[in-house]
Amino acid sequence: MQTTETQVEVSAEMEHHLELLRQAYRLPTTTAVLELLISTQIDRSVYEMTGIKPGPKLAVDNTQGRS
């Protein structure tokens, strides 16, 4: 699966809110917070359209390089 990276600018106030969420969820970056929020919204939309709740997700740490 090919993904693309998009750079966005946020206001100082939004950056502050993202940082608070990052600390609360103990995530490594504010980008991870955005990914979590987007994933949650997609899950909610799918549930609203289909009535099927998403199952558990496998956590994969892809931050470490392969040896």
C-alpha atoms as a PDB file:
ATOM      1  CA  MET A   1       0.000   0.000   0.000  1.00  0.00           C
ATOM      2  CA  GLN A   2       1.450   3.331  -1.050  1.00  0.00           C
ATOM      3  CA  THR A   3       0.923   6.301   1.243  1.00  0.00           C
ATOM      4  CA  THR A   4       1.665   9.933   0.706  1.00  0.00           C
ATOM      5  CA  GLU A   5       2.869  12.485   3.178  1.00  0.00           C
ATOM      6  CA  THR A   6       1.213  15.871   3.407  1.00  0.00           C
ATOM      7  CA  GLN A   7       2.615  18.795   5.311  1.00  0.00           C
ATOM      8  CA  VAL A   8       0.097  21.050   7.046  1.00  0.00           C
ATOM      9  CA  GLU A   9       0.465  24.204   9.078  1.00  0.00           C
ATOM     10  CA  VAL A  10      -1.487  24.704  12.274  1.00  0.00           C
ATOM     11  CA  SER A  11      -2.025  27.722  14.458  1.00  0.00           C
ATOM     12  CA  ALA A  12      -0.109  28.155  17.687  1.00  0.00           C
ATOM     13  CA  GLU A  13      -3.316  27.449  19.608  1.00  0.00           C
ATOM     14  CA  MET A  14      -3.915  24.190  17.704  1.00  0.00           C
ATOM     15  CA  GLU A  15      -0.282  23.171  18.211  1.00  0.00           C
ATOM     16  CA  HIS A  16      -0.751  23.749  21.947  1.00  0.00           C
ATOM     17  CA  HIS A  17      -3.880  21.533  21.989  1.00  0.00           C
ATOM     18  CA  LEU A  18      -2.077  18.829  20.014  1.00  0.00           C
ATOM     19  CA  GLU A  19       0.827  18.958  22.465  1.00  0.00           C
ATOM     20  CA  LEU A  20      -1.542  18.538  25.417  1.00  0.00           C
ATOM     21  CA  LEU A  21      -3.110  15.520  23.707  1.00  0.00           C
ATOM     22  CA  ARG A  22       0.339  14.125  22.877  1.00  0.00           C
ATOM     23  CA  GLN A  23       1.297  14.273  26.543  1.00  0.00           C
ATOM     24  CA  ALA A  24      -2.033  12.827  27.715  1.00  0.00           C
ATOM     25  CA  TYR A  25      -1.831   9.876  25.303  1.00  0.00           C
ATOM     26  CA  ARG A  26       1.950   9.566  25.781  1.00  0.00           C
ATOM     27  CA  LEU A  27       2.567   9.638  22.055  1.00  0.00           C
ATOM     28  CA  PRO A  28       5.978  10.449  20.548  1.00  0.00           C
ATOM     29  CA  THR A  29       4.862  13.298  18.258  1.00  0.00           C
ATOM     30  CA  THR A  30       1.940  15.575  17.507  1.00  0.00           C
ATOM     31  CA  THR A  31       1.796  13.854  14.121  1.00  0.00           C
ATOM     32  CA  ALA A  32       0.907  10.646  15.956  1.00  0.00           C
ATOM     33  CA  VAL A  33      -1.905  12.550  17.687  1.00  0.00           C
ATOM     34  CA  LEU A  34      -3.282  13.644  14.315  1.00  0.00           C
ATOM     35  CA  GLU A  35      -3.061  10.079  12.994  1.00  0.00           C
ATOM     36  CA  LEU A  36      -4.944   8.818  16.061  1.00  0.00           C
ATOM     37  CA  LEU A  37      -7.662  11.451  15.662  1.00  0.00           C
ATOM     38  CA  ILE A  38      -8.081  10.685  11.962  1.00  0.00           C
ATOM     39  CA  SER A  39      -8.205   6.927  12.601  1.00  0.00           C
ATOM     40  CA  THR A  40     -10.804   7.411  15.327  1.00  0.00           C
ATOM     41  CA  GLN A  41     -12.950   9.546  13.035  1.00  0.00           C
ATOM     42  CA  ILE A  42     -12.724   6.972  10.228  1.00  0.00           C
ATOM     43  CA  ASP A  43     -13.773   4.218  12.654  1.00  0.00           C
ATOM     44  CA  ARG A  44     -16.714   6.338  13.837  1.00  0.00           C
ATOM     45  CA  SER A  45     -17.822   7.049  10.266  1.00  0.00           C
ATOM     46  CA  VAL A  46     -17.616   3.368   9.304  1.00  0.00           C
ATOM     47  CA  TYR A  47     -19.677   2.435  12.359  1.00  0.00           C
ATOM     48  CA  GLU A  48     -22.299   5.063  11.522  1.00  0.00           C
ATOM     49  CA  MET A  49     -22.562   3.813   7.929  1.00  0.00           C
ATOM     50  CA  THR A  50     -22.454   0.068   8.578  1.00  0.00           C
ATOM     51  CA  GLY A  51     -23.362  -0.477  12.222  1.00  0.00           C
ATOM     52  CA  ILE A  52     -20.221  -2.614  12.560  1.00  0.00           C
ATOM     53  CA  LYS A  53     -17.820  -1.676  15.330  1.00  0.00           C
ATOM     54  CA  PRO A  54     -14.135  -1.902  14.430  1.00  0.00           C
ATOM     55  CA  GLY A  55     -12.187  -4.714  16.045  1.00  0.00           C
ATOM     56  CA  PRO A  56      -8.909  -4.489  17.900  1.00  0.00           C
ATOM     57  CA  LYS A  57      -5.958  -3.115  16.001  1.00  0.00           C
ATOM     58  CA  LEU A  58      -2.496  -4.591  15.871  1.00  0.00           C
ATOM     59  CA  ALA A  59       0.100  -2.128  17.110  1.00  0.00           C
ATOM     60  CA  VAL A  60       3.161  -2.145  14.887  1.00  0.00           C
ATOM     61  CA  ASP A  61       6.271  -0.181  15.747  1.00  0.00           C
ATOM     62  CA  ASN A  62       7.618   0.916  12.381  1.00  0.00           C
ATOM     63  CA  THR A  63       9.909   3.553  13.855  1.00  0.00           C
ATOM     64  CA  GLN A  64      12.897   1.205  14.103  1.00  0.00           C
ATOM     65  CA  GLY A  65      15.010   0.474  11.044  1.00  0.00           C
ATOM     66  CA  ARG A  66      15.468  -3.085   9.840  1.00  0.00           C
ATOM     67  CA  SER A  67      18.785  -4.774  10.452  1.00  0.00           C
END
